[in-house]
Amino acid sequence: TIRHQLKPHGINSGWREIVRTMNTQKAVTTLAQNQQDQVIMIRRCSEPNQNVRKLYDALKYKYAPFTKRKSVVHKSELENEQFIEIQAMALG
């Protein structure tokens, strides 16, 4: 388990504290429309703070769960219900 992997590194936090610490790193989705009526969607994550980096180092994880992603969605695809749901989740 994760807690078992953290103990040799001197991290003895409870699960709730680990989750609270990790929730300080956020993923952000930004949507914008360009002059060609295309929707530009950019997804990136925030820089982890020192406590999150300590956990990542102990677990040998990368600091960013994904690299910056940029997508272009044509206006006709905006009518697709799945994209509308994704847009609502991103804004919500």
N, C-alpha and C. Protein backbone atom coordinates (compact mmCIF):
# COMPACT_ATOMS: atom_id res chain seq x y z
N THR A 1 0.83 -1.19 0.00
CA THR A 1 0.00 0.00 0.00
C THR A 1 0.87 1.25 0.00
N ILE A 2 0.25 2.37 -0.26
CA ILE A 2 0.99 3.63 -0.31
C ILE A 2 1.57 3.97 1.05
N ARG A 3 0.77 3.83 2.12
CA ARG A 3 1.28 4.16 3.46
C ARG A 3 2.48 3.28 3.81
N HIS A 4 2.44 2.02 3.41
CA HIS A 4 3.56 1.11 3.66
C HIS A 4 4.82 1.58 2.92
N GLN A 5 4.66 2.10 1.71
CA GLN A 5 5.79 2.60 0.93
C GLN A 5 6.35 3.89 1.50
N LEU A 6 5.51 4.68 2.18
CA LEU A 6 5.94 5.96 2.74
C LEU A 6 6.67 5.82 4.07
N LYS A 7 6.35 4.79 4.85
CA LYS A 7 6.94 4.63 6.19
C LYS A 7 8.47 4.58 6.19
N PRO A 8 9.12 3.86 5.28
CA PRO A 8 10.59 3.85 5.28
C PRO A 8 11.21 5.24 5.05
N HIS A 9 10.42 6.16 4.52
CA HIS A 9 10.90 7.52 4.26
C HIS A 9 10.53 8.48 5.38
N GLY A 10 10.04 7.92 6.49
CA GLY A 10 9.71 8.74 7.65
C GLY A 10 8.38 9.47 7.55
N ILE A 11 7.54 9.06 6.63
CA ILE A 11 6.23 9.69 6.46
C ILE A 11 5.20 8.75 7.07
N ASN A 12 4.67 9.13 8.23
CA ASN A 12 3.74 8.28 8.97
C ASN A 12 2.34 8.87 9.03
N SER A 13 1.99 9.70 8.09
CA SER A 13 0.69 10.36 8.08
C SER A 13 -0.43 9.36 7.83
N GLY A 14 -1.61 9.69 8.37
CA GLY A 14 -2.79 8.89 8.10
C GLY A 14 -3.28 9.14 6.69
N TRP A 15 -4.17 8.25 6.23
CA TRP A 15 -4.64 8.35 4.86
C TRP A 15 -5.33 9.68 4.58
N ARG A 16 -6.15 10.15 5.52
CA ARG A 16 -6.85 11.43 5.31
C ARG A 16 -5.87 12.58 5.14
N GLU A 17 -4.79 12.57 5.89
CA GLU A 17 -3.78 13.63 5.78
C GLU A 17 -3.06 13.55 4.43
N ILE A 18 -2.78 12.33 3.98
CA ILE A 18 -2.13 12.15 2.68
C ILE A 18 -3.04 12.69 1.57
N VAL A 19 -4.32 12.35 1.62
CA VAL A 19 -5.27 12.82 0.60
C VAL A 19 -5.39 14.34 0.66
N ARG A 20 -5.48 14.91 1.87
CA ARG A 20 -5.59 16.36 2.02
C ARG A 20 -4.36 17.04 1.41
N THR A 21 -3.18 16.50 1.67
CA THR A 21 -1.94 17.06 1.13
C THR A 21 -1.93 16.97 -0.40
N MET A 22 -2.30 15.83 -0.94
CA MET A 22 -2.27 15.64 -2.39
C MET A 22 -3.33 16.49 -3.09
N ASN A 23 -4.42 16.80 -2.42
CA ASN A 23 -5.47 17.63 -3.02
C ASN A 23 -5.06 19.08 -3.20
N THR A 24 -3.88 19.45 -2.72
CA THR A 24 -3.41 20.82 -2.93
C THR A 24 -2.89 21.02 -4.35
N GLN A 25 -2.57 19.92 -5.04
CA GLN A 25 -2.18 20.02 -6.45
C GLN A 25 -3.43 19.88 -7.30
N LYS A 26 -3.66 20.82 -8.18
CA LYS A 26 -4.90 20.86 -8.95
C LYS A 26 -4.65 20.70 -10.45
N ALA A 27 -5.65 20.16 -11.12
CA ALA A 27 -5.66 20.11 -12.59
C ALA A 27 -6.66 21.17 -13.06
N VAL A 28 -6.26 21.96 -14.05
CA VAL A 28 -7.09 23.06 -14.53
C VAL A 28 -7.35 22.87 -16.02
N THR A 29 -8.62 23.04 -16.41
CA THR A 29 -9.00 23.00 -17.82
C THR A 29 -9.51 24.37 -18.22
N THR A 30 -8.95 24.94 -19.28
CA THR A 30 -9.36 26.25 -19.78
C THR A 30 -9.93 26.08 -21.18
N LEU A 31 -11.10 26.67 -21.41
CA LEU A 31 -11.73 26.62 -22.73
C LEU A 31 -11.83 28.04 -23.28
N ALA A 32 -11.51 28.20 -24.57
CA ALA A 32 -11.61 29.50 -25.23
C ALA A 32 -11.99 29.28 -26.69
N GLN A 33 -12.62 30.26 -27.29
CA GLN A 33 -13.01 30.16 -28.69
C GLN A 33 -12.16 31.11 -29.51
N ASN A 34 -11.61 30.61 -30.63
CA ASN A 34 -10.79 31.47 -31.48
C ASN A 34 -11.63 32.08 -32.60
N GLN A 35 -10.99 32.83 -33.49
CA GLN A 35 -11.70 33.54 -34.56
C GLN A 35 -12.29 32.61 -35.61
N GLN A 36 -11.81 31.38 -35.68
CA GLN A 36 -12.34 30.41 -36.63
C GLN A 36 -13.46 29.56 -36.01
N ASP A 37 -14.01 30.03 -34.90
CA ASP A 37 -15.08 29.32 -34.18
C ASP A 37 -14.66 27.93 -33.72
N GLN A 38 -13.40 27.77 -33.45
CA GLN A 38 -12.92 26.52 -32.87
C GLN A 38 -12.76 26.75 -31.37
N VAL A 39 -12.99 25.70 -30.62
CA VAL A 39 -12.80 25.78 -29.18
C VAL A 39 -11.42 25.22 -28.86
N ILE A 40 -10.63 26.01 -28.16
CA ILE A 40 -9.30 25.59 -27.73
C ILE A 40 -9.43 25.14 -26.28
N MET A 41 -9.02 23.92 -26.01
CA MET A 41 -9.08 23.40 -24.65
C MET A 41 -7.65 23.12 -24.19
N ILE A 42 -7.25 23.74 -23.10
CA ILE A 42 -5.91 23.55 -22.55
C ILE A 42 -6.06 22.96 -21.16
N ARG A 43 -5.36 21.87 -20.91
CA ARG A 43 -5.41 21.21 -19.61
C ARG A 43 -4.00 21.11 -19.06
N ARG A 44 -3.82 21.56 -17.83
CA ARG A 44 -2.51 21.48 -17.20
C ARG A 44 -2.69 21.35 -15.70
N CYS A 45 -1.64 20.96 -15.02
CA CYS A 45 -1.73 20.82 -13.57
C CYS A 45 -0.81 21.83 -12.90
N SER A 46 -1.15 22.15 -11.66
CA SER A 46 -0.38 23.13 -10.91
C SER A 46 0.94 22.52 -10.44
N GLU A 47 1.86 23.38 -10.06
CA GLU A 47 3.13 22.92 -9.51
C GLU A 47 2.88 22.37 -8.11
N PRO A 48 3.43 21.20 -7.78
CA PRO A 48 3.22 20.65 -6.44
C PRO A 48 4.01 21.44 -5.40
N ASN A 49 3.42 21.57 -4.20
CA ASN A 49 4.15 22.24 -3.13
C ASN A 49 5.18 21.28 -2.53
N GLN A 50 5.92 21.75 -1.56
CA GLN A 50 7.03 20.96 -0.99
C GLN A 50 6.54 19.66 -0.37
N ASN A 51 5.39 19.68 0.32
CA ASN A 51 4.87 18.46 0.95
C ASN A 51 4.45 17.43 -0.09
N VAL A 52 3.86 17.87 -1.17
CA VAL A 52 3.46 16.96 -2.24
C VAL A 52 4.70 16.38 -2.92
N ARG A 53 5.71 17.22 -3.13
CA ARG A 53 6.95 16.73 -3.75
C ARG A 53 7.61 15.66 -2.89
N LYS A 54 7.54 15.85 -1.58
CA LYS A 54 8.12 14.86 -0.66
C LYS A 54 7.42 13.51 -0.83
N LEU A 55 6.10 13.53 -0.95
CA LEU A 55 5.36 12.29 -1.16
C LEU A 55 5.70 11.68 -2.52
N TYR A 56 5.74 12.51 -3.56
CA TYR A 56 6.09 12.02 -4.90
C TYR A 56 7.49 11.40 -4.91
N ASP A 57 8.44 12.07 -4.27
CA ASP A 57 9.80 11.54 -4.23
C ASP A 57 9.85 10.18 -3.53
N ALA A 58 9.14 10.07 -2.40
CA ALA A 58 9.13 8.81 -1.66
C ALA A 58 8.51 7.68 -2.48
N LEU A 59 7.52 8.01 -3.28
CA LEU A 59 6.83 7.00 -4.09
C LEU A 59 7.44 6.84 -5.49
N LYS A 60 8.43 7.68 -5.81
CA LYS A 60 9.09 7.68 -7.12
C LYS A 60 8.10 8.00 -8.25
N TYR A 61 7.21 8.96 -7.98
CA TYR A 61 6.25 9.43 -8.98
C TYR A 61 6.77 10.70 -9.63
N LYS A 62 6.28 11.00 -10.82
CA LYS A 62 6.58 12.27 -11.47
C LYS A 62 5.81 13.38 -10.78
N TYR A 63 6.34 14.61 -10.80
CA TYR A 63 5.67 15.74 -10.16
C TYR A 63 4.38 16.14 -10.88
N ALA A 64 4.31 15.89 -12.16
CA ALA A 64 3.11 16.24 -12.92
C ALA A 64 2.49 14.94 -13.45
N PRO A 65 1.20 14.69 -13.14
CA PRO A 65 0.58 13.46 -13.62
C PRO A 65 0.43 13.41 -15.14
N PHE A 66 0.46 14.57 -15.78
CA PHE A 66 0.40 14.64 -17.24
C PHE A 66 1.06 15.93 -17.68
N THR A 67 1.47 15.97 -18.95
CA THR A 67 2.05 17.19 -19.48
C THR A 67 0.92 18.11 -19.96
N LYS A 68 1.25 19.34 -20.25
CA LYS A 68 0.26 20.30 -20.73
C LYS A 68 -0.38 19.75 -22.00
N ARG A 69 -1.70 19.74 -22.04
CA ARG A 69 -2.43 19.24 -23.20
C ARG A 69 -3.21 20.37 -23.85
N LYS A 70 -3.13 20.44 -25.16
CA LYS A 70 -3.88 21.46 -25.89
C LYS A 70 -4.64 20.76 -27.00
N SER A 71 -5.95 21.02 -27.08
CA SER A 71 -6.81 20.40 -28.08
C SER A 71 -7.60 21.47 -28.80
N VAL A 72 -7.86 21.24 -30.08
CA VAL A 72 -8.74 22.12 -30.85
C VAL A 72 -9.97 21.31 -31.21
N VAL A 73 -11.14 21.85 -30.85
CA VAL A 73 -12.40 21.17 -31.12
C VAL A 73 -13.21 22.05 -32.06
N HIS A 74 -13.62 21.50 -33.20
CA HIS A 74 -14.40 22.28 -34.17
C HIS A 74 -15.80 22.53 -33.66
N LYS A 75 -16.38 23.63 -34.08
CA LYS A 75 -17.68 24.06 -33.58
C LYS A 75 -18.75 22.99 -33.75
N SER A 76 -18.72 22.25 -34.85
CA SER A 76 -19.73 21.21 -35.08
C SER A 76 -19.68 20.14 -33.99
N GLU A 77 -18.52 19.93 -33.43
CA GLU A 77 -18.37 18.93 -32.37
C GLU A 77 -18.92 19.43 -31.04
N LEU A 78 -19.15 20.73 -30.93
CA LEU A 78 -19.70 21.28 -29.70
C LEU A 78 -21.10 20.75 -29.43
N GLU A 79 -21.81 20.37 -30.48
CA GLU A 79 -23.16 19.86 -30.33
C GLU A 79 -23.17 18.44 -29.78
N ASN A 80 -22.05 17.81 -29.80
CA ASN A 80 -21.93 16.46 -29.28
C ASN A 80 -22.14 16.49 -27.77
N GLU A 81 -23.08 15.68 -27.28
CA GLU A 81 -23.40 15.69 -25.85
C GLU A 81 -22.20 15.38 -24.98
N GLN A 82 -21.35 14.47 -25.42
CA GLN A 82 -20.19 14.10 -24.62
C GLN A 82 -19.29 15.31 -24.38
N PHE A 83 -19.06 16.14 -25.39
CA PHE A 83 -18.22 17.32 -25.20
C PHE A 83 -18.87 18.30 -24.24
N ILE A 84 -20.19 18.44 -24.36
CA ILE A 84 -20.91 19.35 -23.47
C ILE A 84 -20.77 18.88 -22.02
N GLU A 85 -20.83 17.57 -21.79
CA GLU A 85 -20.65 17.04 -20.44
C GLU A 85 -19.23 17.31 -19.95
N ILE A 86 -18.24 17.13 -20.81
CA ILE A 86 -16.85 17.41 -20.43
C ILE A 86 -16.70 18.89 -20.10
N GLN A 87 -17.31 19.74 -20.91
CA GLN A 87 -17.23 21.19 -20.68
C GLN A 87 -17.87 21.53 -19.33
N ALA A 88 -19.01 20.93 -19.02
CA ALA A 88 -19.68 21.20 -17.75
C ALA A 88 -18.81 20.75 -16.58
N MET A 89 -18.16 19.59 -16.72
CA MET A 89 -17.28 19.11 -15.65
C MET A 89 -16.09 20.04 -15.49
N ALA A 90 -15.55 20.53 -16.58
CA ALA A 90 -14.39 21.41 -16.51
C ALA A 90 -14.73 22.73 -15.85
N LEU A 91 -15.93 23.21 -16.08
CA LEU A 91 -16.34 24.49 -15.50
C LEU A 91 -16.88 24.33 -14.09
N GLY A 92 -17.36 23.14 -13.77
CA GLY A 92 -18.02 22.90 -12.49
C GLY A 92 -17.09 22.66 -11.39
